[in-house]
C-alpha atoms as a PDB file:
ATOM      1  CA  MET A   1       0.527 -12.381 -15.975  1.00  0.00           C
ATOM      2  CA  THR A   2       0.619 -13.776 -12.423  1.00  0.00           C
ATOM      3  CA  ARG A   3      -2.173 -12.384 -10.230  1.00  0.00           C
ATOM      4  CA  ILE A   4      -0.232 -10.359  -7.271  1.00  0.00           C
ATOM      5  CA  THR A   5      -1.963  -9.888  -4.155  1.00  0.00           C
ATOM      6  CA  TYR A   6      -1.199  -7.033  -1.673  1.00  0.00           C
ATOM      7  CA  GLN A   7       0.810  -8.754   0.512  1.00  0.00           C
ATOM      8  CA  GLY A   8       2.876 -10.468  -2.328  1.00  0.00           C
ATOM      9  CA  ALA A   9       3.245  -6.992  -3.820  1.00  0.00           C
ATOM     10  CA  CYS A  10       5.083  -5.903  -0.504  1.00  0.00           C
ATOM     11  CA  VAL A  11       7.361  -8.634  -1.028  1.00  0.00           C
ATOM     12  CA  LEU A  12       8.236  -7.755  -4.506  1.00  0.00           C
ATOM     13  CA  GLN A  13       8.629  -4.340  -3.131  1.00  0.00           C
ATOM     14  CA  ALA A  14      10.910  -5.397  -0.071  1.00  0.00           C
ATOM     15  CA  LEU A  15      13.045  -7.388  -2.656  1.00  0.00           C
ATOM     16  CA  SER A  16      13.058  -4.310  -5.086  1.00  0.00           C
ATOM     17  CA  ARG A  17      14.662  -2.276  -2.107  1.00  0.00           C
ATOM     18  CA  GLY A  18      17.650  -4.861  -1.382  1.00  0.00           C
ATOM     19  CA  ARG A  19      15.928  -6.992   1.321  1.00  0.00           C
ATOM     20  CA  ASN A  20      17.370 -10.417   0.333  1.00  0.00           C
ATOM     21  CA  TYR A  21      16.397 -13.121   2.825  1.00  0.00           C
ATOM     22  CA  GLY A  22      13.123 -14.374   4.484  1.00  0.00           C
ATOM     23  CA  PHE A  23      13.860 -12.584   7.957  1.00  0.00           C
ATOM     24  CA  GLU A  24      14.812  -9.284   6.473  1.00  0.00           C
ATOM     25  CA  ILE A  25      11.575  -9.345   4.080  1.00  0.00           C
ATOM     26  CA  MET A  26       9.544 -10.190   7.408  1.00  0.00           C
ATOM     27  CA  ASP A  27      10.978  -6.949   9.297  1.00  0.00           C
ATOM     28  CA  PHE A  28      10.294  -4.808   6.014  1.00  0.00           C
ATOM     29  CA  THR A  29       6.803  -5.738   5.674  1.00  0.00           C
ATOM     30  CA  ALA A  30       5.812  -6.573   8.951  1.00  0.00           C
ATOM     31  CA  LEU A  31       4.301  -9.895   7.514  1.00  0.00           C
ATOM     32  CA  PRO A  32       4.760 -13.070   9.298  1.00  0.00           C
ATOM     33  CA  SER A  33       6.942 -16.038   8.322  1.00  0.00           C
ATOM     34  CA  GLY A  34       3.990 -18.154   7.579  1.00  0.00           C
ATOM     35  CA  THR A  35       2.649 -15.516   4.996  1.00  0.00           C
ATOM     36  CA  VAL A  36       6.140 -14.554   3.428  1.00  0.00           C
ATOM     37  CA  TYR A  37       7.637 -17.690   2.855  1.00  0.00           C
ATOM     38  CA  PRO A  38       4.660 -19.430   0.891  1.00  0.00           C
ATOM     39  CA  ILE A  39       4.288 -15.919  -0.917  1.00  0.00           C
ATOM     40  CA  LEU A  40       8.317 -16.556  -2.126  1.00  0.00           C
ATOM     41  CA  ARG A  41       7.578 -19.976  -3.034  1.00  0.00           C
ATOM     42  CA  ARG A  42       4.645 -18.707  -5.229  1.00  0.00           C
ATOM     43  CA  LEU A  43       6.788 -16.092  -6.417  1.00  0.00           C
ATOM     44  CA  GLU A  44       9.264 -18.152  -7.411  1.00  0.00           C
ATOM     45  CA  ASP A  45       7.076 -20.978  -9.249  1.00  0.00           C
ATOM     46  CA  ASN A  46       5.992 -18.053 -11.362  1.00  0.00           C
ATOM     47  CA  GLU A  47       9.404 -17.053 -12.021  1.00  0.00           C
ATOM     48  CA  LEU A  48       9.025 -13.594 -10.587  1.00  0.00           C
ATOM     49  CA  VAL A  49      11.894 -14.019  -8.187  1.00  0.00           C
ATOM     50  CA  ARG A  50      14.881 -16.634  -8.191  1.00  0.00           C
ATOM     51  CA  SER A  51      16.608 -17.801  -5.110  1.00  0.00           C
ATOM     52  CA  GLU A  52      19.729 -19.441  -4.281  1.00  0.00           C
ATOM     53  CA  TRP A  53      21.266 -20.761  -0.742  1.00  0.00           C
ATOM     54  CA  GLU A  54      24.264 -18.936   0.557  1.00  0.00           C
ATOM     55  CA  ASP A  55      27.353 -20.743   0.871  1.00  0.00           C
ATOM     56  CA  SER A  56      28.023 -22.067   4.128  1.00  0.00           C
ATOM     57  CA  LYS A  57      31.206 -20.396   4.664  1.00  0.00           C
ATOM     58  CA  ASP A  58      29.360 -17.491   4.820  1.00  0.00           C
ATOM     59  CA  ALA A  59      27.007 -18.420   7.635  1.00  0.00           C
ATOM     60  CA  HIS A  60      29.590 -20.419   9.521  1.00  0.00           C
ATOM     61  CA  PRO A  61      31.441 -17.197  11.437  1.00  0.00           C
ATOM     62  CA  ASP A  62      28.332 -15.776  12.467  1.00  0.00           C
ATOM     63  CA  ARG A  63      27.288 -19.296  13.844  1.00  0.00           C
ATOM     64  CA  ARG A  64      23.826 -19.013  11.684  1.00  0.00           C
ATOM     65  CA  PRO A  65      22.162 -21.342   9.169  1.00  0.00           C
ATOM     66  CA  ARG A  66      22.538 -20.409   5.706  1.00  0.00           C
ATOM     67  CA  ARG A  67      20.262 -18.397   4.482  1.00  0.00           C
ATOM     68  CA  ARG A  68      18.239 -18.359   1.108  1.00  0.00           C
ATOM     69  CA  ASN A  69      18.628 -15.390  -0.939  1.00  0.00           C
ATOM     70  CA  TYR A  70      15.896 -13.981  -3.293  1.00  0.00           C
ATOM     71  CA  GLU A  71      16.116 -11.613  -5.941  1.00  0.00           C
ATOM     72  CA  LEU A  72      13.563 -10.344  -8.425  1.00  0.00           C
ATOM     73  CA  THR A  73      13.767 -11.412 -12.222  1.00  0.00           C
ATOM     74  CA  ASP A  74      13.047  -9.047 -15.114  1.00  0.00           C
ATOM     75  CA  ALA A  75       9.324 -10.370 -14.742  1.00  0.00           C
ATOM     76  CA  GLY A  76       9.317  -9.874 -11.075  1.00  0.00           C
ATOM     77  CA  ARG A  77      10.147  -5.959 -11.429  1.00  0.00           C
ATOM     78  CA  ALA A  78       7.556  -5.821 -14.220  1.00  0.00           C
ATOM     79  CA  ALA A  79       4.912  -7.419 -11.905  1.00  0.00           C
ATOM     80  CA  LEU A  80       6.069  -4.836  -9.255  1.00  0.00           C
ATOM     81  CA  VAL A  81       5.436  -2.018 -11.719  1.00  0.00           C
ATOM     82  CA  LEU A  82       2.021  -3.111 -12.201  1.00  0.00           C
ATOM     83  CA  ALA A  83       1.051  -3.759  -8.962  1.00  0.00           C
ATOM     84  CA  ASP A  84       2.438  -0.107  -8.192  1.00  0.00           C
ATOM     85  CA  GLU A  85      -0.035   0.938 -11.061  1.00  0.00           C
ATOM     86  CA  ARG A  86      -2.962  -0.568  -9.583  1.00  0.00           C
ATOM     87  CA  LEU A  87      -2.111   0.555  -5.685  1.00  0.00           C
ATOM     88  CA  ALA A  88      -2.275   4.176  -7.447  1.00  0.00           C
ATOM     89  CA  LEU A  89      -5.192   3.582  -9.161  1.00  0.00           C
ATOM     90  CA  HIS A  90      -6.818   2.443  -5.490  1.00  0.00           C
ATOM     91  CA  ARG A  91      -5.427   5.263  -3.674  1.00  0.00           C
ATOM     92  CA  GLN A  92      -6.759   7.546  -6.050  1.00  0.00           C
ATOM     93  CA  MET A  93     -10.321   5.848  -5.381  1.00  0.00           C
ATOM     94  CA  PHE A  94     -10.396   6.083  -1.753  1.00  0.00           C
ATOM     95  CA  ASP A  95      -8.857   9.785  -1.646  1.00  0.00           C
ATOM     96  CA  SER A  96     -11.456  10.977  -3.946  1.00  0.00           C
ATOM     97  CA  THR A  97     -14.827  12.550  -2.364  1.00  0.00           C
ATOM     98  CA  PRO A  98     -18.315  11.053  -3.305  1.00  0.00           C
ATOM     99  CA  GLU A  99     -20.152  13.213  -5.220  1.00  0.00           C
ATOM    100  CA  THR A 100     -23.352  13.208  -2.578  1.00  0.00           C
ATOM    101  CA  GLY A 101     -20.537  13.653   0.470  1.00  0.00           C
ATOM    102  CA  GLU A 102     -21.982  10.143   1.880  1.00  0.00           C
ATOM    103  CA  VAL A 103     -20.258   7.195   2.082  1.00  0.00           C
ATOM    104  CA  THR A 104     -22.543   4.228   0.056  1.00  0.00           C
END
């Protein structure tokens, strides 16, 4: 299984919530483009996401460049479930009170 970083999990989460292209993902995650695009490339290389360029006829009326749209694969959805479970364990770890009451 591919190692998913916290930021990678944020990108997967954005995709799972319908954010399909770079700027939407950046807005959702508050991560910069220099972080998001390399993560998307890595996720695609590991077959957790797939991408496709939109048709230029869709971009032309808005006078903007074509967007590269990304979507989760089944493996990407499974990776997101594992990342969510890991995050839940981390939250539990930080939410629990140390027995001594002191931070070590």
